Amino acid sequence: MAVAVKNNNKTPLVVSPAVRRRARFKSGQELELRASSGVITILPKVPSADDEYTAEQRRIIDAQLAEGLADIKAGLL
């Protein structure tokens, strides 16, 4: 499916509902835009593992993992 639009610096680019449906984008879904060599690619934003936990939660998890690995190396588990 191809849709032509005119780029006007005063008006934002809009992706038509038909194109969004065809791409199976859902309402409220976060999208990632990448631009390279005159091409814009729109992809669903994939959550990263870093987004799941706060920095403090990540520090606690990392410390517990390190402790578990140390126990394994010491032969305690």
C-alpha atoms as a PDB file:
ATOM      1  CA  MET A   1       0.000   0.000   0.000  1.00  0.00           C
ATOM      2  CA  ALA A   2       1.422   3.391  -0.954  1.00  0.00           C
ATOM      3  CA  VAL A   3       0.047   6.737   0.166  1.00  0.00           C
ATOM      4  CA  ALA A   4       1.489  10.022  -1.044  1.00  0.00           C
ATOM      5  CA  VAL A   5       1.577  13.071   1.216  1.00  0.00           C
ATOM      6  CA  LYS A   6       3.055  16.512   0.737  1.00  0.00           C
ATOM      7  CA  ASN A   7       5.678  17.578   3.247  1.00  0.00           C
ATOM      8  CA  ASN A   8       4.855  20.983   4.677  1.00  0.00           C
ATOM      9  CA  ASN A   9       7.164  22.221   7.417  1.00  0.00           C
ATOM     10  CA  LYS A  10       4.241  24.015   9.084  1.00  0.00           C
ATOM     11  CA  THR A  11       2.061  20.906   9.385  1.00  0.00           C
ATOM     12  CA  PRO A  12       3.072  17.649  11.075  1.00  0.00           C
ATOM     13  CA  LEU A  13       3.178  14.496   8.994  1.00  0.00           C
ATOM     14  CA  VAL A  14       0.159  12.294   9.637  1.00  0.00           C
ATOM     15  CA  VAL A  15      -0.094   8.559   9.040  1.00  0.00           C
ATOM     16  CA  SER A  16      -3.529   7.727   7.711  1.00  0.00           C
ATOM     17  CA  PRO A  17      -5.766   5.302   9.634  1.00  0.00           C
ATOM     18  CA  ALA A  18      -5.693   2.871   6.688  1.00  0.00           C
ATOM     19  CA  VAL A  19      -1.885   2.683   6.810  1.00  0.00           C
ATOM     20  CA  ARG A  20      -1.891   2.306  10.616  1.00  0.00           C
ATOM     21  CA  ARG A  21      -4.423  -0.536  10.335  1.00  0.00           C
ATOM     22  CA  ARG A  22      -2.380  -2.236   7.621  1.00  0.00           C
ATOM     23  CA  ALA A  23       0.713  -1.998   9.857  1.00  0.00           C
ATOM     24  CA  ARG A  24      -1.407  -3.305  12.761  1.00  0.00           C
ATOM     25  CA  PHE A  25      -0.462  -0.414  15.025  1.00  0.00           C
ATOM     26  CA  LYS A  26      -2.745  -0.196  18.037  1.00  0.00           C
ATOM     27  CA  SER A  27      -4.120   2.960  19.624  1.00  0.00           C
ATOM     28  CA  GLY A  28      -1.773   4.208  22.342  1.00  0.00           C
ATOM     29  CA  GLN A  29       1.077   1.977  21.188  1.00  0.00           C
ATOM     30  CA  GLU A  30       4.532   3.542  21.411  1.00  0.00           C
ATOM     31  CA  LEU A  31       6.303   3.777  18.077  1.00  0.00           C
ATOM     32  CA  GLU A  32       9.961   4.288  17.219  1.00  0.00           C
ATOM     33  CA  LEU A  33      10.906   6.404  14.206  1.00  0.00           C
ATOM     34  CA  ARG A  34      14.279   5.914  12.517  1.00  0.00           C
ATOM     35  CA  ALA A  35      15.615   8.096   9.716  1.00  0.00           C
ATOM     36  CA  SER A  36      18.457   7.100   7.422  1.00  0.00           C
ATOM     37  CA  SER A  37      19.388   8.175   3.902  1.00  0.00           C
ATOM     38  CA  GLY A  38      16.072   9.877   3.241  1.00  0.00           C
ATOM     39  CA  VAL A  39      13.965   6.961   4.497  1.00  0.00           C
ATOM     40  CA  ILE A  40      11.797   7.057   7.628  1.00  0.00           C
ATOM     41  CA  THR A  41      11.021   3.709   9.230  1.00  0.00           C
ATOM     42  CA  ILE A  42       8.276   3.407  11.840  1.00  0.00           C
ATOM     43  CA  LEU A  43       8.480   0.400  14.168  1.00  0.00           C
ATOM     44  CA  PRO A  44       6.646  -0.641  17.321  1.00  0.00           C
ATOM     45  CA  LYS A  45       8.773   0.303  20.315  1.00  0.00           C
ATOM     46  CA  VAL A  46      10.032  -2.851  21.976  1.00  0.00           C
ATOM     47  CA  PRO A  47      10.294  -2.534  25.752  1.00  0.00           C
ATOM     48  CA  SER A  48      13.800  -3.064  27.047  1.00  0.00           C
ATOM     49  CA  ALA A  49      14.614  -4.960  30.218  1.00  0.00           C
ATOM     50  CA  ASP A  50      15.868  -1.696  31.729  1.00  0.00           C
ATOM     51  CA  ASP A  51      12.332  -0.252  31.485  1.00  0.00           C
ATOM     52  CA  GLU A  52      10.917  -2.977  33.753  1.00  0.00           C
ATOM     53  CA  TYR A  53      12.759  -2.023  36.942  1.00  0.00           C
ATOM     54  CA  THR A  54      13.926   1.156  38.627  1.00  0.00           C
ATOM     55  CA  ALA A  55      17.656   1.705  39.050  1.00  0.00           C
ATOM     56  CA  GLU A  56      17.380   0.738  42.741  1.00  0.00           C
ATOM     57  CA  GLN A  57      15.477  -2.465  41.932  1.00  0.00           C
ATOM     58  CA  ARG A  58      18.078  -3.333  39.295  1.00  0.00           C
ATOM     59  CA  ARG A  59      20.914  -2.845  41.865  1.00  0.00           C
ATOM     60  CA  ILE A  60      19.150  -5.181  44.328  1.00  0.00           C
ATOM     61  CA  ILE A  61      18.572  -7.846  41.659  1.00  0.00           C
ATOM     62  CA  ASP A  62      22.173  -7.608  40.455  1.00  0.00           C
ATOM     63  CA  ALA A  63      23.461  -7.952  44.039  1.00  0.00           C
ATOM     64  CA  GLN A  64      21.269 -11.014  44.646  1.00  0.00           C
ATOM     65  CA  LEU A  65      22.430 -12.599  41.388  1.00  0.00           C
ATOM     66  CA  ALA A  66      26.068 -11.975  42.305  1.00  0.00           C
ATOM     67  CA  GLU A  67      25.482 -13.515  45.741  1.00  0.00           C
ATOM     68  CA  GLY A  68      23.853 -16.586  44.191  1.00  0.00           C
ATOM     69  CA  LEU A  69      26.713 -17.041  41.731  1.00  0.00           C
ATOM     70  CA  ALA A  70      29.226 -16.742  44.573  1.00  0.00           C
ATOM     71  CA  ASP A  71      27.338 -19.444  46.499  1.00  0.00           C
ATOM     72  CA  ILE A  72      27.400 -21.722  43.447  1.00  0.00           C
ATOM     73  CA  LYS A  73      31.135 -21.200  42.972  1.00  0.00           C
ATOM     74  CA  ALA A  74      31.727 -21.904  46.658  1.00  0.00           C
ATOM     75  CA  GLY A  75      29.790 -25.150  46.345  1.00  0.00           C
ATOM     76  CA  LEU A  76      27.018 -24.086  48.706  1.00  0.00           C
ATOM     77  CA  LEU A  77      24.247 -24.824  46.225  1.00  0.00           C
END
